[in-house]
ModelCIF file with pLDDT and N, C-alpha, C, O atoms, coordinates in Angstrom:
data_MODEL
#
_entry.id   MODEL 
#
_entity.id                         1 
_entity.type                       polymer 
_entity.pdbx_number_of_molecules   1 
#
_entity_poly.entity_id                      1 
_entity_poly.type                           'polypeptide(L)' 
_entity_poly.nstd_linkage                   no 
_entity_poly.nstd_monomer                   no 
_entity_poly.pdbx_seq_one_letter_code       KVDSGTGLRALTVANLSKARMSFDEEPHFPLDGAE 
_entity_poly.pdbx_seq_one_letter_code_can   KVDSGTGLRALTVANLSKARMSFDEEPHFPLDGAE 
_entity_poly.pdbx_strand_id                 A 
#
loop_
_entity_poly_seq.entity_id 
_entity_poly_seq.num 
_entity_poly_seq.mon_id 
_entity_poly_seq.hetero 
1 1  LYS n 
1 2  VAL n 
1 3  ASP n 
1 4  SER n 
1 5  GLY n 
1 6  THR n 
1 7  GLY n 
1 8  LEU n 
1 9  ARG n 
1 10 ALA n 
1 11 LEU n 
1 12 THR n 
1 13 VAL n 
1 14 ALA n 
1 15 ASN n 
1 16 LEU n 
1 17 SER n 
1 18 LYS n 
1 19 ALA n 
1 20 ARG n 
1 21 MET n 
1 22 SER n 
1 23 PHE n 
1 24 ASP n 
1 25 GLU n 
1 26 GLU n 
1 27 PRO n 
1 28 HIS n 
1 29 PHE n 
1 30 PRO n 
1 31 LEU n 
1 32 ASP n 
1 33 GLY n 
1 34 ALA n 
1 35 GLU n 
#
_struct_asym.id          A 
_struct_asym.entity_id   1 
#
loop_
_ma_qa_metric.id 
_ma_qa_metric.mode 
_ma_qa_metric.name 
_ma_qa_metric.software_group_id 
_ma_qa_metric.type 
1 global pLDDT . pLDDT 
2 local  pLDDT . pLDDT 
#
_ma_qa_metric_global.metric_id      1 
_ma_qa_metric_global.metric_value   94.23 
_ma_qa_metric_global.model_id       1 
_ma_qa_metric_global.ordinal_id     1 
#
loop_
_ma_qa_metric_local.label_asym_id 
_ma_qa_metric_local.label_comp_id 
_ma_qa_metric_local.label_seq_id 
_ma_qa_metric_local.metric_id 
_ma_qa_metric_local.metric_value 
_ma_qa_metric_local.model_id 
_ma_qa_metric_local.ordinal_id 
A LYS 1  2 98.00 1 1  
A VAL 2  2 97.00 1 2  
A ASP 3  2 95.00 1 3  
A SER 4  2 89.00 1 4  
A GLY 5  2 91.00 1 5  
A THR 6  2 92.00 1 6  
A GLY 7  2 92.00 1 7  
A LEU 8  2 97.00 1 8  
A ARG 9  2 97.00 1 9  
A ALA 10 2 98.00 1 10 
A LEU 11 2 97.00 1 11 
A THR 12 2 98.00 1 12 
A VAL 13 2 97.00 1 13 
A ALA 14 2 98.00 1 14 
A ASN 15 2 98.00 1 15 
A LEU 16 2 98.00 1 16 
A SER 17 2 98.00 1 17 
A LYS 18 2 97.00 1 18 
A ALA 19 2 97.00 1 19 
A ARG 20 2 95.00 1 20 
A MET 21 2 95.00 1 21 
A SER 22 2 93.00 1 22 
A PHE 23 2 94.00 1 23 
A ASP 24 2 92.00 1 24 
A GLU 25 2 90.00 1 25 
A GLU 26 2 90.00 1 26 
A PRO 27 2 90.00 1 27 
A HIS 28 2 87.00 1 28 
A PHE 29 2 94.00 1 29 
A PRO 30 2 93.00 1 30 
A LEU 31 2 92.00 1 31 
A ASP 32 2 90.00 1 32 
A GLY 33 2 91.00 1 33 
A ALA 34 2 94.00 1 34 
A GLU 35 2 94.00 1 35 
#
loop_
_atom_site.group_PDB 
_atom_site.id 
_atom_site.type_symbol 
_atom_site.label_atom_id 
_atom_site.label_alt_id 
_atom_site.label_comp_id 
_atom_site.label_asym_id 
_atom_site.label_entity_id 
_atom_site.label_seq_id 
_atom_site.pdbx_PDB_ins_code 
_atom_site.Cartn_x 
_atom_site.Cartn_y 
_atom_site.Cartn_z 
_atom_site.occupancy 
_atom_site.B_iso_or_equiv 
_atom_site.pdbx_formal_charge 
_atom_site.auth_seq_id 
_atom_site.auth_comp_id 
_atom_site.auth_asym_id 
_atom_site.auth_atom_id 
_atom_site.pdbx_PDB_model_num 
ATOM 1   N N  . LYS A 1 1  ? 12.545 101.781 75.079 1.00 98.00 ? 1  LYS A N  1 
ATOM 2   C CA . LYS A 1 1  ? 11.446 102.694 75.431 1.00 98.00 ? 1  LYS A CA 1 
ATOM 3   C C  . LYS A 1 1  ? 10.737 102.133 76.658 1.00 98.00 ? 1  LYS A C  1 
ATOM 4   O O  . LYS A 1 1  ? 10.531 100.924 76.765 1.00 98.00 ? 1  LYS A O  1 
ATOM 5   N N  . VAL A 1 2  ? 10.362 103.022 77.590 1.00 97.00 ? 2  VAL A N  1 
ATOM 6   C CA . VAL A 1 2  ? 9.706  102.612 78.824 1.00 97.00 ? 2  VAL A CA 1 
ATOM 7   C C  . VAL A 1 2  ? 8.486  103.488 79.060 1.00 97.00 ? 2  VAL A C  1 
ATOM 8   O O  . VAL A 1 2  ? 8.568  104.716 79.019 1.00 97.00 ? 2  VAL A O  1 
ATOM 9   N N  . ASP A 1 3  ? 7.348  102.837 79.310 1.00 95.00 ? 3  ASP A N  1 
ATOM 10  C CA . ASP A 1 3  ? 6.132  103.533 79.740 1.00 95.00 ? 3  ASP A CA 1 
ATOM 11  C C  . ASP A 1 3  ? 6.202  103.630 81.257 1.00 95.00 ? 3  ASP A C  1 
ATOM 12  O O  . ASP A 1 3  ? 6.036  102.633 81.959 1.00 95.00 ? 3  ASP A O  1 
ATOM 13  N N  . SER A 1 4  ? 6.448  104.837 81.758 1.00 89.00 ? 4  SER A N  1 
ATOM 14  C CA . SER A 1 4  ? 6.656  105.001 83.196 1.00 89.00 ? 4  SER A CA 1 
ATOM 15  C C  . SER A 1 4  ? 5.398  104.694 84.000 1.00 89.00 ? 4  SER A C  1 
ATOM 16  O O  . SER A 1 4  ? 5.482  104.397 85.192 1.00 89.00 ? 4  SER A O  1 
ATOM 17  N N  . GLY A 1 5  ? 4.230  104.764 83.360 1.00 91.00 ? 5  GLY A N  1 
ATOM 18  C CA . GLY A 1 5  ? 2.991  104.486 84.079 1.00 91.00 ? 5  GLY A CA 1 
ATOM 19  C C  . GLY A 1 5  ? 2.757  103.009 84.329 1.00 91.00 ? 5  GLY A C  1 
ATOM 20  O O  . GLY A 1 5  ? 2.322  102.628 85.415 1.00 91.00 ? 5  GLY A O  1 
ATOM 21  N N  . THR A 1 6  ? 3.036  102.176 83.344 1.00 92.00 ? 6  THR A N  1 
ATOM 22  C CA . THR A 1 6  ? 2.752  100.739 83.453 1.00 92.00 ? 6  THR A CA 1 
ATOM 23  C C  . THR A 1 6  ? 4.015  99.893  83.566 1.00 92.00 ? 6  THR A C  1 
ATOM 24  O O  . THR A 1 6  ? 3.942  98.717  83.923 1.00 92.00 ? 6  THR A O  1 
ATOM 25  N N  . GLY A 1 7  ? 5.164  100.476 83.268 1.00 92.00 ? 7  GLY A N  1 
ATOM 26  C CA . GLY A 1 7  ? 6.398  99.696  83.254 1.00 92.00 ? 7  GLY A CA 1 
ATOM 27  C C  . GLY A 1 7  ? 6.611  98.920  81.977 1.00 92.00 ? 7  GLY A C  1 
ATOM 28  O O  . GLY A 1 7  ? 7.603  98.202  81.849 1.00 92.00 ? 7  GLY A O  1 
ATOM 29  N N  . LEU A 1 8  ? 5.685  99.051  81.013 1.00 97.00 ? 8  LEU A N  1 
ATOM 30  C CA . LEU A 1 8  ? 5.818  98.378  79.725 1.00 97.00 ? 8  LEU A CA 1 
ATOM 31  C C  . LEU A 1 8  ? 7.105  98.850  79.054 1.00 97.00 ? 8  LEU A C  1 
ATOM 32  O O  . LEU A 1 8  ? 7.433  100.036 79.079 1.00 97.00 ? 8  LEU A O  1 
ATOM 33  N N  . ARG A 1 9  ? 7.838  97.892  78.446 1.00 97.00 ? 9  ARG A N  1 
ATOM 34  C CA . ARG A 1 9  ? 9.126  98.218  77.832 1.00 97.00 ? 9  ARG A CA 1 
ATOM 35  C C  . ARG A 1 9  ? 9.195  97.678  76.410 1.00 97.00 ? 9  ARG A C  1 
ATOM 36  O O  . ARG A 1 9  ? 8.667  96.606  76.113 1.00 97.00 ? 9  ARG A O  1 
ATOM 37  N N  . ALA A 1 10 ? 9.846  98.424  75.544 1.00 98.00 ? 10 ALA A N  1 
ATOM 38  C CA . ALA A 1 10 ? 10.057 97.988  74.162 1.00 98.00 ? 10 ALA A CA 1 
ATOM 39  C C  . ALA A 1 10 ? 11.519 98.183  73.801 1.00 98.00 ? 10 ALA A C  1 
ATOM 40  O O  . ALA A 1 10 ? 12.151 99.155  74.214 1.00 98.00 ? 10 ALA A O  1 
ATOM 41  N N  . LEU A 1 11 ? 12.046 97.246  73.026 1.00 97.00 ? 11 LEU A N  1 
ATOM 42  C CA . LEU A 1 11 ? 13.413 97.327  72.529 1.00 97.00 ? 11 LEU A CA 1 
ATOM 43  C C  . LEU A 1 11 ? 13.371 97.338  71.011 1.00 97.00 ? 11 LEU A C  1 
ATOM 44  O O  . LEU A 1 11 ? 12.844 96.414  70.391 1.00 97.00 ? 11 LEU A O  1 
ATOM 45  N N  . THR A 1 12 ? 13.925 98.380  70.416 1.00 98.00 ? 12 THR A N  1 
ATOM 46  C CA . THR A 1 12 ? 14.051 98.472  68.958 1.00 98.00 ? 12 THR A CA 1 
ATOM 47  C C  . THR A 1 12 ? 15.491 98.167  68.565 1.00 98.00 ? 12 THR A C  1 
ATOM 48  O O  . THR A 1 12 ? 16.431 98.757  69.097 1.00 98.00 ? 12 THR A O  1 
ATOM 49  N N  . VAL A 1 13 ? 15.650 97.238  67.627 1.00 97.00 ? 13 VAL A N  1 
ATOM 50  C CA . VAL A 1 13 ? 16.976 96.944  67.079 1.00 97.00 ? 13 VAL A CA 1 
ATOM 51  C C  . VAL A 1 13 ? 16.877 97.050  65.561 1.00 97.00 ? 13 VAL A C  1 
ATOM 52  O O  . VAL A 1 13 ? 15.928 96.553  64.954 1.00 97.00 ? 13 VAL A O  1 
ATOM 53  N N  . ALA A 1 14 ? 17.867 97.701  64.959 1.00 98.00 ? 14 ALA A N  1 
ATOM 54  C CA . ALA A 1 14 ? 17.831 97.892  63.506 1.00 98.00 ? 14 ALA A CA 1 
ATOM 55  C C  . ALA A 1 14 ? 19.240 97.862  62.944 1.00 98.00 ? 14 ALA A C  1 
ATOM 56  O O  . ALA A 1 14 ? 20.158 98.487  63.475 1.00 98.00 ? 14 ALA A O  1 
ATOM 57  N N  . ASN A 1 15 ? 19.386 97.123  61.860 1.00 98.00 ? 15 ASN A N  1 
ATOM 58  C CA . ASN A 1 15 ? 20.650 97.061  61.128 1.00 98.00 ? 15 ASN A CA 1 
ATOM 59  C C  . ASN A 1 15 ? 20.646 98.175  60.089 1.00 98.00 ? 15 ASN A C  1 
ATOM 60  O O  . ASN A 1 15 ? 19.817 98.169  59.179 1.00 98.00 ? 15 ASN A O  1 
ATOM 61  N N  . LEU A 1 16 ? 21.553 99.121  60.213 1.00 98.00 ? 16 LEU A N  1 
ATOM 62  C CA . LEU A 1 16 ? 21.613 100.269 59.312 1.00 98.00 ? 16 LEU A CA 1 
ATOM 63  C C  . LEU A 1 16 ? 22.509 100.028 58.110 1.00 98.00 ? 16 LEU A C  1 
ATOM 64  O O  . LEU A 1 16 ? 22.836 100.969 57.387 1.00 98.00 ? 16 LEU A O  1 
ATOM 65  N N  . SER A 1 17 ? 22.913 98.780  57.884 1.00 98.00 ? 17 SER A N  1 
ATOM 66  C CA . SER A 1 17 ? 23.912 98.506  56.849 1.00 98.00 ? 17 SER A CA 1 
ATOM 67  C C  . SER A 1 17 ? 23.472 97.410  55.885 1.00 98.00 ? 17 SER A C  1 
ATOM 68  O O  . SER A 1 17 ? 22.443 96.761  56.076 1.00 98.00 ? 17 SER A O  1 
ATOM 69  N N  . LYS A 1 18 ? 24.290 97.220  54.834 1.00 97.00 ? 18 LYS A N  1 
ATOM 70  C CA . LYS A 1 18 ? 24.052 96.194  53.828 1.00 97.00 ? 18 LYS A CA 1 
ATOM 71  C C  . LYS A 1 18 ? 24.632 94.835  54.232 1.00 97.00 ? 18 LYS A C  1 
ATOM 72  O O  . LYS A 1 18 ? 24.479 93.855  53.502 1.00 97.00 ? 18 LYS A O  1 
ATOM 73  N N  . ALA A 1 19 ? 25.288 94.773  55.374 1.00 97.00 ? 19 ALA A N  1 
ATOM 74  C CA . ALA A 1 19 ? 25.938 93.530  55.812 1.00 97.00 ? 19 ALA A CA 1 
ATOM 75  C C  . ALA A 1 19 ? 25.144 92.874  56.938 1.00 97.00 ? 19 ALA A C  1 
ATOM 76  O O  . ALA A 1 19 ? 24.512 93.567  57.735 1.00 97.00 ? 19 ALA A O  1 
ATOM 77  N N  . ARG A 1 20 ? 25.172 91.549  57.007 1.00 95.00 ? 20 ARG A N  1 
ATOM 78  C CA . ARG A 1 20 ? 24.590 90.860  58.149 1.00 95.00 ? 20 ARG A CA 1 
ATOM 79  C C  . ARG A 1 20 ? 25.394 91.220  59.395 1.00 95.00 ? 20 ARG A C  1 
ATOM 80  O O  . ARG A 1 20 ? 26.595 91.481  59.319 1.00 95.00 ? 20 ARG A O  1 
ATOM 81  N N  . MET A 1 21 ? 24.722 91.232  60.530 1.00 95.00 ? 21 MET A N  1 
ATOM 82  C CA . MET A 1 21 ? 25.435 91.523  61.771 1.00 95.00 ? 21 MET A CA 1 
ATOM 83  C C  . MET A 1 21 ? 24.791 90.779  62.931 1.00 95.00 ? 21 MET A C  1 
ATOM 84  O O  . MET A 1 21 ? 23.609 90.435  62.898 1.00 95.00 ? 21 MET A O  1 
ATOM 85  N N  . SER A 1 22 ? 25.591 90.545  63.943 1.00 93.00 ? 22 SER A N  1 
ATOM 86  C CA . SER A 1 22 ? 25.095 89.982  65.196 1.00 93.00 ? 22 SER A CA 1 
ATOM 87  C C  . SER A 1 22 ? 25.111 91.081  66.250 1.00 93.00 ? 22 SER A C  1 
ATOM 88  O O  . SER A 1 22 ? 25.896 92.025  66.166 1.00 93.00 ? 22 SER A O  1 
ATOM 89  N N  . PHE A 1 23 ? 24.247 90.950  67.233 1.00 94.00 ? 23 PHE A N  1 
ATOM 90  C CA . PHE A 1 23 ? 24.244 91.935  68.297 1.00 94.00 ? 23 PHE A CA 1 
ATOM 91  C C  . PHE A 1 23 ? 24.173 91.224  69.642 1.00 94.00 ? 23 PHE A C  1 
ATOM 92  O O  . PHE A 1 23 ? 23.758 90.068  69.728 1.00 94.00 ? 23 PHE A O  1 
ATOM 93  N N  . ASP A 1 24 ? 24.578 91.921  70.671 1.00 92.00 ? 24 ASP A N  1 
ATOM 94  C CA . ASP A 1 24 ? 24.572 91.367  72.019 1.00 92.00 ? 24 ASP A CA 1 
ATOM 95  C C  . ASP A 1 24 ? 23.245 91.676  72.696 1.00 92.00 ? 24 ASP A C  1 
ATOM 96  O O  . ASP A 1 24 ? 22.648 92.731  72.482 1.00 92.00 ? 24 ASP A O  1 
ATOM 97  N N  . GLU A 1 25 ? 22.801 90.737  73.513 1.00 90.00 ? 25 GLU A N  1 
ATOM 98  C CA . GLU A 1 25 ? 21.561 90.953  74.248 1.00 90.00 ? 25 GLU A CA 1 
ATOM 99  C C  . GLU A 1 25 ? 21.749 92.083  75.258 1.00 90.00 ? 25 GLU A C  1 
ATOM 100 O O  . GLU A 1 25 ? 22.766 92.152  75.948 1.00 90.00 ? 25 GLU A O  1 
ATOM 101 N N  . GLU A 1 26 ? 20.766 92.955  75.332 1.00 90.00 ? 26 GLU A N  1 
ATOM 102 C CA . GLU A 1 26 ? 20.794 94.044  76.293 1.00 90.00 ? 26 GLU A CA 1 
ATOM 103 C C  . GLU A 1 26 ? 20.495 93.482  77.683 1.00 90.00 ? 26 GLU A C  1 
ATOM 104 O O  . GLU A 1 26 ? 19.437 92.884  77.882 1.00 90.00 ? 26 GLU A O  1 
ATOM 105 N N  . PRO A 1 27 ? 21.409 93.661  78.655 1.00 90.00 ? 27 PRO A N  1 
ATOM 106 C CA . PRO A 1 27 ? 21.218 93.058  79.975 1.00 90.00 ? 27 PRO A CA 1 
ATOM 107 C C  . PRO A 1 27 ? 19.902 93.433  80.651 1.00 90.00 ? 27 PRO A C  1 
ATOM 108 O O  . PRO A 1 27 ? 19.334 92.633  81.393 1.00 90.00 ? 27 PRO A O  1 
ATOM 109 N N  . HIS A 1 28 ? 19.422 94.636  80.399 1.00 87.00 ? 28 HIS A N  1 
ATOM 110 C CA . HIS A 1 28 ? 18.195 95.097  81.049 1.00 87.00 ? 28 HIS A CA 1 
ATOM 111 C C  . HIS A 1 28 ? 16.940 94.711  80.262 1.00 87.00 ? 28 HIS A C  1 
ATOM 112 O O  . HIS A 1 28 ? 15.826 95.072  80.640 1.00 87.00 ? 28 HIS A O  1 
ATOM 113 N N  . PHE A 1 29 ? 17.134 93.969  79.158 1.00 94.00 ? 29 PHE A N  1 
ATOM 114 C CA . PHE A 1 29 ? 15.987 93.560  78.347 1.00 94.00 ? 29 PHE A CA 1 
ATOM 115 C C  . PHE A 1 29 ? 16.260 92.168  77.777 1.00 94.00 ? 29 PHE A C  1 
ATOM 116 O O  . PHE A 1 29 ? 16.568 92.039  76.593 1.00 94.00 ? 29 PHE A O  1 
ATOM 117 N N  . PRO A 1 30 ? 16.153 91.128  78.600 1.00 93.00 ? 30 PRO A N  1 
ATOM 118 C CA . PRO A 1 30 ? 16.366 89.772  78.083 1.00 93.00 ? 30 PRO A CA 1 
ATOM 119 C C  . PRO A 1 30 ? 15.324 89.407  77.041 1.00 93.00 ? 30 PRO A C  1 
ATOM 120 O O  . PRO A 1 30 ? 14.139 89.697  77.206 1.00 93.00 ? 30 PRO A O  1 
ATOM 121 N N  . LEU A 1 31 ? 15.771 88.769  75.968 1.00 92.00 ? 31 LEU A N  1 
ATOM 122 C CA . LEU A 1 31 ? 14.849 88.411  74.895 1.00 92.00 ? 31 LEU A CA 1 
ATOM 123 C C  . LEU A 1 31 ? 14.006 87.184  75.237 1.00 92.00 ? 31 LEU A C  1 
ATOM 124 O O  . LEU A 1 31 ? 12.917 87.008  74.692 1.00 92.00 ? 31 LEU A O  1 
ATOM 125 N N  . ASP A 1 32 ? 14.501 86.342  76.130 1.00 90.00 ? 32 ASP A N  1 
ATOM 126 C CA . ASP A 1 32 ? 13.683 85.210  76.584 1.00 90.00 ? 32 ASP A CA 1 
ATOM 127 C C  . ASP A 1 32 ? 12.435 85.744  77.273 1.00 90.00 ? 32 ASP A C  1 
ATOM 128 O O  . ASP A 1 32 ? 12.524 86.514  78.230 1.00 90.00 ? 32 ASP A O  1 
ATOM 129 N N  . GLY A 1 33 ? 11.288 85.336  76.788 1.00 91.00 ? 33 GLY A N  1 
ATOM 130 C CA . GLY A 1 33 ? 10.034 85.799  77.349 1.00 91.00 ? 33 GLY A CA 1 
ATOM 131 C C  . GLY A 1 33 ? 9.529  87.089  76.752 1.00 91.00 ? 33 GLY A C  1 
ATOM 132 O O  . GLY A 1 33 ? 8.419  87.515  77.071 1.00 91.00 ? 33 GLY A O  1 
ATOM 133 N N  . ALA A 1 34 ? 10.317 87.735  75.883 1.00 94.00 ? 34 ALA A N  1 
ATOM 134 C CA . ALA A 1 34 ? 9.873  88.969  75.229 1.00 94.00 ? 34 ALA A CA 1 
ATOM 135 C C  . ALA A 1 34 ? 9.021  88.635  74.004 1.00 94.00 ? 34 ALA A C  1 
ATOM 136 O O  . ALA A 1 34 ? 9.246  87.626  73.335 1.00 94.00 ? 34 ALA A O  1 
ATOM 137 N N  . GLU A 1 35 ? 8.065  89.473  73.727 1.00 94.00 ? 35 GLU A N  1 
ATOM 138 C CA . GLU A 1 35 ? 7.208  89.314  72.544 1.00 94.00 ? 35 GLU A CA 1 
ATOM 139 C C  . GLU A 1 35 ? 7.835  90.048  71.365 1.00 94.00 ? 35 GLU A C  1 
ATOM 140 O O  . GLU A 1 35 ? 7.277  90.043  70.267 1.00 94.00 ? 35 GLU A O  1 
#
């Protein structure tokens, strides 16, 4: 999600299953430095 006025960005990740899973980092949203 992107707020076009301020540039604020949010990334939602959700596991829809009963199994553990790993996911790849989104190139346009590095998790380092993200809150």
